[in-house]
């Protein structure tokens, strides 16, 4: 007992010494988890010709380790997020911008990932071509639930965004302008709906508002609902068709072999042949009207489990379009959806 008592403090001392040695290494690993510096560049160009050409932002994130960065970049004006985009496999992203009739000073903000640090680009000044007094509009998106962008959901969850349509030169309107909202770029088994889907712009529609103003004194908005799908597991789930087929063969194969042997041994007895034939027909009919038949399984148990929305990060394009029958006006912005 004395020997054990003498070794106990020594073991505790060795363990404490090992922990003391491990803590600095662990602290260093944590500190270095995101220690690779990055540099973000932003260029903005007007794509296409005409007064309704929409600016397009191109972003590149380079890292000190030479490896492509991943994650999300935001295009911001001050603290206001105009658009977001997910970097591709080489650390680049493109985003559509919808801007009002004014001079804008933009920057790209890289949010970082588990390895790379966040970084901010230099500023880019953009003056959109609004066509003088030609009526138009811009579109902007803000998070409602969850309350931050990018929109991050688990499969089966829903998220909502606020889409604002800001009139441009609407004082020149001689008839109402109707703007239709849509989205693209969602993953499979995900959908988006807008409430309302169509927005009316009049010559008197407000083009700006102060914080706290009533909705009637602000540019019109629509709520965008993004719905994902989870893989459902029904209670009391029946066996899958594959397992049912295995069980069916377990009963059917011996019966078929037995009937075949009976028919083979009764070649000289016509009444046994007839009996074997009747039994075989009855067996096949029974199998065709029970769970061994795939149609029976489908009609009684329904289709199999629906798959879930695949996990990943997606660039979702929110588009607003209007047409007077002659000229179509299309403006869009980009948001990022992450499905876990």
Protein backbone atom coordinates (compact mmCIF):
# COMPACT_ATOMS: atom_id res chain seq x y z
CA UNK A 1 0.00 0.00 0.00
CA UNK A 2 2.89 2.38 0.79
CA UNK A 3 4.33 1.78 -2.70
CA UNK A 4 1.05 2.63 -4.34
CA UNK A 5 0.72 5.80 -2.29
CA UNK A 6 4.23 6.89 -3.24
CA UNK A 7 3.58 6.36 -6.97
CA UNK A 8 0.22 8.20 -6.91
CA UNK A 9 1.69 11.73 -6.50
CA UNK A 10 4.35 10.93 -9.08
CA UNK A 11 1.72 9.91 -11.65
CA UNK A 12 -0.28 13.05 -10.94
CA UNK A 13 2.86 15.15 -11.34
CA UNK A 14 3.67 13.51 -14.68
CA UNK A 15 0.10 14.02 -15.93
CA UNK A 16 0.15 17.68 -14.90
CA UNK A 17 3.51 18.15 -16.61
CA UNK A 18 2.15 16.56 -19.84
CA UNK A 19 -0.88 18.83 -19.80
CA UNK A 20 1.34 21.85 -19.27
CA UNK A 21 3.37 20.88 -22.31
CA UNK A 22 0.28 20.25 -24.44
CA UNK A 23 -1.53 23.52 -23.66
CA UNK A 24 0.86 25.80 -25.62
CA UNK A 25 0.64 23.52 -28.66
CA UNK A 26 -3.15 23.49 -28.43
CA UNK A 27 -3.27 27.27 -28.08
CA UNK A 28 -1.01 27.64 -31.09
CA UNK A 29 -3.23 25.32 -33.17
CA UNK A 30 -6.32 27.34 -32.23
CA UNK A 31 -4.57 30.61 -32.99
CA UNK A 32 -3.40 29.30 -36.36
CA UNK A 33 -6.81 27.92 -37.37
CA UNK A 34 -7.48 31.11 -39.32
CA UNK A 35 -4.08 32.71 -39.76
CA UNK A 36 -3.72 32.81 -43.57
CA UNK A 37 -4.06 36.38 -44.81
CA UNK A 38 -6.10 37.20 -47.91
CA UNK A 39 -6.49 40.03 -50.41
CA UNK A 40 -9.82 40.91 -52.01
CA UNK A 41 -10.19 42.85 -55.26
CA UNK A 42 -13.39 44.29 -56.73
CA UNK A 43 -14.18 45.45 -60.26
CA UNK A 44 -17.58 46.70 -61.42
CA UNK A 45 -18.59 46.91 -65.07
CA UNK A 46 -21.83 47.63 -66.91
CA UNK A 47 -22.91 44.57 -68.89
CA UNK A 48 -24.64 45.18 -72.22
CA UNK A 49 -25.76 48.40 -73.86
CA UNK A 50 -28.68 50.73 -73.34
CA UNK A 51 -30.06 52.79 -70.50
CA UNK A 52 -31.10 49.74 -68.45
CA UNK A 53 -27.71 48.00 -68.42
CA UNK A 54 -27.12 46.49 -64.98
CA UNK A 55 -23.74 46.75 -63.25
CA UNK A 56 -21.94 43.46 -62.65
CA UNK A 57 -19.43 43.00 -59.84
CA UNK A 58 -16.45 40.64 -60.15
CA UNK A 59 -14.61 39.64 -56.99
CA UNK A 60 -11.35 37.74 -56.57
CA UNK A 61 -9.91 36.58 -53.24
CA UNK A 62 -6.25 35.51 -53.20
CA UNK A 63 -4.50 34.04 -50.18
CA UNK A 64 -0.94 34.07 -48.91
CA UNK A 65 -0.73 30.26 -49.02
CA UNK A 66 -1.64 30.19 -52.73
CA UNK A 67 -4.69 28.00 -52.09
CA UNK A 68 -8.10 29.19 -53.28
CA UNK A 69 -10.24 30.74 -50.57
CA UNK A 70 -13.80 29.59 -50.01
CA UNK A 71 -16.82 31.19 -48.42
CA UNK A 72 -18.94 34.25 -49.09
CA UNK A 73 -18.24 37.81 -50.21
CA UNK A 74 -20.57 40.77 -49.70
CA UNK A 75 -20.86 43.86 -51.91
CA UNK A 76 -21.46 46.74 -49.54
CA UNK A 77 -22.16 50.45 -49.68
CA UNK A 78 -21.21 51.68 -46.26
CA UNK A 79 -22.73 49.12 -43.91
CA UNK A 80 -25.56 48.26 -46.31
CA UNK A 81 -25.25 44.89 -48.08
CA UNK A 82 -26.25 45.22 -51.75
CA UNK A 83 -25.51 41.63 -52.83
CA UNK A 84 -23.70 38.46 -51.80
CA UNK A 85 -22.03 35.66 -53.71
CA UNK A 86 -20.26 32.40 -52.90
CA UNK A 87 -16.69 31.99 -54.14
CA UNK A 88 -16.13 29.27 -56.73
CA UNK A 89 -13.35 26.68 -56.73
CA UNK A 90 -10.70 29.24 -57.78
CA UNK A 91 -11.71 31.94 -55.29
CA UNK A 92 -13.78 34.10 -57.63
CA UNK A 93 -17.40 35.26 -57.68
CA UNK A 94 -19.74 37.42 -59.74
CA UNK A 95 -22.74 39.34 -58.45
CA UNK A 96 -25.48 41.34 -60.13
CA UNK A 97 -26.02 44.83 -58.71
CA UNK A 98 -29.21 46.85 -58.79
CA UNK A 99 -28.45 50.50 -58.02
CA UNK A 100 -30.50 53.65 -57.69
CA UNK A 101 -29.89 56.80 -59.75
CA UNK A 102 -26.93 58.15 -57.82
CA UNK A 103 -23.20 57.80 -57.46
CA UNK A 104 -22.27 54.76 -55.37
CA UNK A 105 -19.02 53.90 -53.59
CA UNK A 106 -18.80 50.12 -53.22
CA UNK A 107 -16.45 47.65 -51.62
CA UNK A 108 -16.25 43.86 -51.40
CA UNK A 109 -15.97 42.23 -47.99
CA UNK A 110 -14.69 38.66 -47.79
CA UNK A 111 -16.10 36.98 -44.67
CA UNK A 112 -13.29 34.42 -44.34
CA UNK A 113 -13.38 30.65 -43.80
CA UNK A 114 -11.86 28.16 -41.37
CA UNK A 115 -8.38 28.74 -42.79
CA UNK A 116 -8.39 32.20 -44.37
CA UNK A 117 -8.79 35.57 -42.72
CA UNK A 118 -11.42 38.08 -43.76
CA UNK A 119 -10.38 41.01 -45.95
CA UNK A 120 -11.84 44.13 -47.55
CA UNK A 121 -11.22 45.40 -51.08
CA UNK A 122 -10.52 48.91 -52.18
CA UNK A 123 -13.49 51.05 -53.13
CA UNK A 124 -15.06 51.26 -56.59
CA UNK A 125 -17.20 54.22 -57.64
CA UNK A 126 -20.18 53.41 -59.84
CA UNK A 127 -22.64 55.76 -61.52
CA UNK A 128 -25.45 53.72 -63.12
CA UNK A 129 -26.85 54.74 -66.48
CA UNK A 130 -30.46 55.56 -65.63
CA UNK A 131 -31.40 56.95 -69.02
CA UNK A 132 -32.19 60.47 -67.92
CA UNK A 133 -35.89 60.58 -67.15
CA UNK A 134 -36.71 57.01 -68.21
CA UNK A 135 -38.69 55.22 -65.46
CA UNK A 136 -36.95 52.23 -63.94
CA UNK A 137 -36.37 50.62 -60.55
CA UNK A 138 -33.77 48.91 -58.39
CA UNK A 139 -34.06 45.78 -56.25
CA UNK A 140 -32.51 45.08 -52.85
CA UNK A 141 -32.73 42.14 -50.46
CA UNK A 142 -32.48 42.07 -46.66
CA UNK A 143 -32.72 39.19 -44.20
CA UNK A 144 -35.81 38.67 -42.04
CA UNK A 145 -35.52 35.13 -40.65
CA UNK A 146 -32.78 34.17 -39.97
CA UNK A 147 -31.82 37.77 -39.37
CA UNK A 148 -28.43 37.73 -41.11
CA UNK A 149 -27.03 36.97 -44.53
CA UNK A 150 -25.99 34.57 -45.98
CA UNK A 151 -29.26 32.72 -45.47
CA UNK A 152 -28.32 29.54 -43.58
CA UNK A 153 -30.91 26.78 -43.22
CA UNK A 154 -31.06 23.14 -42.24
CA UNK A 155 -32.81 20.80 -44.66
CA UNK A 156 -36.51 21.14 -43.93
CA UNK A 157 -36.32 24.70 -42.63
CA UNK A 158 -37.69 27.84 -44.26
CA UNK A 159 -36.20 31.31 -44.37
CA UNK A 160 -37.58 34.69 -45.39
CA UNK A 161 -36.11 37.75 -47.05
CA UNK A 162 -37.42 41.26 -47.61
CA UNK A 163 -37.24 42.36 -51.25
CA UNK A 164 -37.48 46.13 -51.79
CA UNK A 165 -38.32 47.65 -55.17
CA UNK A 166 -37.18 51.26 -55.30
CA UNK A 167 -38.61 53.36 -58.16
CA UNK A 168 -36.24 55.33 -60.37
CA UNK A 169 -37.57 58.32 -62.36
CA UNK A 170 -41.11 57.12 -61.67
CA UNK A 171 -42.38 60.70 -61.83
CA UNK A 172 -42.31 60.33 -65.62
CA UNK A 173 -44.75 57.41 -65.58
CA UNK A 174 -47.97 57.92 -67.53
CA UNK A 175 -49.37 54.51 -66.52
CA UNK A 176 -48.71 52.07 -63.66
CA UNK A 177 -45.58 49.91 -63.89
CA UNK A 178 -45.97 46.31 -62.72
CA UNK A 179 -42.87 44.46 -61.52
CA UNK A 180 -42.84 40.64 -61.33
CA UNK A 181 -40.47 38.88 -58.94
CA UNK A 182 -38.82 35.49 -59.41
CA UNK A 183 -35.74 33.57 -58.30
CA UNK A 184 -33.31 31.07 -59.80
CA UNK A 185 -30.27 29.10 -58.68
CA UNK A 186 -31.95 27.23 -55.84
CA UNK A 187 -30.86 23.63 -55.17
CA UNK A 188 -33.09 20.70 -55.97
CA UNK A 189 -36.05 20.20 -53.64
CA UNK A 190 -36.07 23.87 -52.63
CA UNK A 191 -38.51 26.55 -53.72
CA UNK A 192 -39.17 30.27 -53.40
CA UNK A 193 -42.43 32.21 -53.26
CA UNK A 194 -43.09 35.94 -53.15
CA UNK A 195 -45.89 37.74 -51.33
CA UNK A 196 -46.91 39.68 -53.32
CA UNK A 197 -45.41 38.34 -56.54
CA UNK A 198 -46.32 41.48 -58.51
CA UNK A 199 -45.63 45.03 -57.32
CA UNK A 200 -47.24 48.14 -58.72
CA UNK A 201 -45.24 51.34 -59.15
CA UNK A 202 -47.05 54.62 -59.66
CA UNK A 203 -45.78 58.12 -60.36
CA UNK A 204 -46.43 58.89 -56.68
CA UNK A 205 -44.72 55.80 -55.22
CA UNK A 206 -42.09 56.87 -52.63
CA UNK A 207 -38.46 56.43 -53.66
CA UNK A 208 -37.01 56.55 -50.14
CA UNK A 209 -38.04 56.65 -46.50
CA UNK A 210 -36.58 57.22 -43.09
CA UNK A 211 -36.28 54.51 -40.46
CA UNK A 212 -39.55 53.93 -38.67
CA UNK A 213 -41.72 55.33 -41.44
CA UNK A 214 -45.00 53.53 -42.23
CA UNK A 215 -45.07 51.20 -45.23
CA UNK A 216 -47.19 53.67 -47.19
CA UNK A 217 -44.35 56.20 -47.03
CA UNK A 218 -41.65 53.78 -48.22
CA UNK A 219 -40.79 51.96 -51.46
CA UNK A 220 -42.89 48.80 -51.94
CA UNK A 221 -41.64 45.49 -50.60
CA UNK A 222 -42.34 41.79 -51.02
CA UNK A 223 -41.59 38.87 -48.70
CA UNK A 224 -39.55 36.08 -50.28
CA UNK A 225 -39.98 32.67 -48.62
CA UNK A 226 -37.32 30.04 -49.27
CA UNK A 227 -38.44 26.51 -48.36
CA UNK A 228 -36.14 23.48 -48.17
CA UNK A 229 -37.13 19.83 -47.75
CA UNK A 230 -36.09 17.32 -45.12
CA UNK A 231 -36.05 13.57 -45.61
CA UNK A 232 -39.17 12.36 -43.83
CA UNK A 233 -39.26 9.13 -41.86
CA UNK A 234 -42.81 7.89 -41.32
CA UNK A 235 -43.67 6.14 -38.09
CA UNK A 236 -44.55 2.48 -38.41
CA UNK A 237 -42.73 2.38 -41.71
CA UNK A 238 -43.33 -0.71 -43.81
CA UNK A 239 -40.52 -2.79 -45.21
CA UNK A 240 -38.99 -1.48 -48.38
CA UNK A 241 -39.87 -3.16 -51.68
CA UNK A 242 -36.42 -4.74 -51.80
CA UNK A 243 -36.91 -6.46 -48.45
CA UNK A 244 -40.45 -7.48 -49.40
CA UNK A 245 -39.11 -9.14 -52.54
CA UNK A 246 -36.57 -11.08 -50.48
CA UNK A 247 -39.28 -12.33 -48.13
CA UNK A 248 -41.52 -13.19 -51.08
CA UNK A 249 -38.79 -15.27 -52.72
CA UNK A 250 -38.20 -17.07 -49.41
CA UNK A 251 -41.78 -18.35 -49.54
CA UNK A 252 -42.25 -18.55 -53.27
CA UNK A 253 -39.09 -20.42 -54.29
CA UNK A 254 -39.70 -23.59 -52.21
CA UNK A 255 -43.33 -23.64 -53.32
CA UNK A 256 -42.41 -23.34 -56.99
CA UNK A 257 -39.75 -26.05 -56.68
CA UNK A 258 -42.23 -28.29 -54.88
CA UNK A 259 -44.87 -27.80 -57.54
CA UNK A 260 -42.30 -28.41 -60.26
CA UNK A 261 -41.23 -31.65 -58.62
CA UNK A 262 -44.84 -32.69 -58.23
CA UNK A 263 -45.52 -32.04 -61.89
CA UNK A 264 -42.36 -33.91 -62.91
CA UNK A 265 -43.26 -36.95 -60.78
CA UNK A 266 -46.82 -36.99 -62.05
CA UNK A 267 -46.10 -37.21 -65.75
CA UNK A 268 -48.07 -40.51 -65.91
CA UNK A 269 -50.92 -39.32 -63.74
CA UNK A 270 -53.01 -36.77 -65.51
CA UNK A 271 -55.02 -35.82 -62.41
CA UNK A 272 -51.79 -34.88 -60.55
CA UNK A 273 -50.68 -32.76 -63.51
CA UNK A 274 -53.96 -30.88 -63.44
CA UNK A 275 -53.72 -30.41 -59.69
CA UNK A 276 -50.16 -29.08 -59.98
CA UNK A 277 -51.21 -26.64 -62.72
CA UNK A 278 -54.15 -25.36 -60.68
CA UNK A 279 -51.92 -24.91 -57.61
CA UNK A 280 -49.28 -23.04 -59.64
CA UNK A 281 -51.88 -20.66 -61.12
CA UNK A 282 -53.31 -20.05 -57.66
CA UNK A 283 -49.85 -19.28 -56.27
CA UNK A 284 -49.05 -16.78 -59.02
CA UNK A 285 -52.45 -15.09 -58.58
CA UNK A 286 -51.93 -14.79 -54.85
CA UNK A 287 -48.49 -13.27 -55.27
CA UNK A 288 -49.85 -10.77 -57.79
CA UNK A 289 -52.48 -9.45 -55.36
CA UNK A 290 -50.33 -9.23 -52.21
CA UNK A 291 -47.32 -7.29 -50.93
CA UNK A 292 -45.02 -9.31 -53.21
CA UNK A 293 -46.28 -7.22 -56.14
CA UNK A 294 -44.57 -3.78 -56.49
CA UNK A 295 -47.86 -2.18 -57.60
CA UNK A 296 -49.56 -3.57 -54.51
CA UNK A 297 -46.81 -2.08 -52.34
CA UNK A 298 -47.09 1.32 -54.05
CA UNK A 299 -50.89 1.49 -53.82
CA UNK A 300 -50.96 0.46 -50.17
CA UNK A 301 -47.81 2.08 -48.80
CA UNK A 302 -47.20 4.97 -51.19
CA UNK A 303 -43.87 6.05 -52.68
CA UNK A 304 -40.58 5.75 -50.84
CA UNK A 305 -39.02 8.37 -48.61
CA UNK A 306 -38.50 11.72 -50.38
CA UNK A 307 -34.85 12.85 -50.32
CA UNK A 308 -33.71 15.99 -48.53
CA UNK A 309 -32.52 19.22 -50.13
CA UNK A 310 -28.80 18.59 -50.80
CA UNK A 311 -26.37 20.37 -48.51
CA UNK A 312 -24.17 23.05 -50.03
CA UNK A 313 -23.76 26.75 -50.73
CA UNK A 314 -25.75 28.26 -53.60
CA UNK A 315 -25.89 31.62 -55.38
CA UNK A 316 -29.57 32.57 -55.66
CA UNK A 317 -30.52 35.22 -58.22
CA UNK A 318 -33.49 37.37 -57.25
CA UNK A 319 -34.92 38.97 -60.41
CA UNK A 320 -37.44 41.77 -60.85
CA UNK A 321 -38.83 42.31 -64.35
CA UNK A 322 -41.24 44.78 -65.89
CA UNK A 323 -42.36 45.42 -69.46
CA UNK A 324 -44.51 48.06 -71.15
CA UNK A 325 -45.02 45.83 -74.18
CA UNK A 326 -42.07 47.35 -76.02
CA UNK A 327 -39.15 47.54 -73.60
CA UNK A 328 -38.40 45.03 -70.87
CA UNK A 329 -36.63 46.20 -67.72
CA UNK A 330 -34.83 43.51 -65.72
CA UNK A 331 -32.87 44.10 -62.55
CA UNK A 332 -31.54 41.46 -60.19
CA UNK A 333 -29.40 40.89 -57.15
CA UNK A 334 -27.65 37.87 -55.68
CA UNK A 335 -27.98 36.28 -52.25
CA UNK A 336 -26.27 33.21 -50.84
CA UNK A 337 -28.18 30.21 -49.49
CA UNK A 338 -26.34 27.66 -47.36
CA UNK A 339 -28.07 24.35 -46.61
CA UNK A 340 -26.62 22.24 -43.81
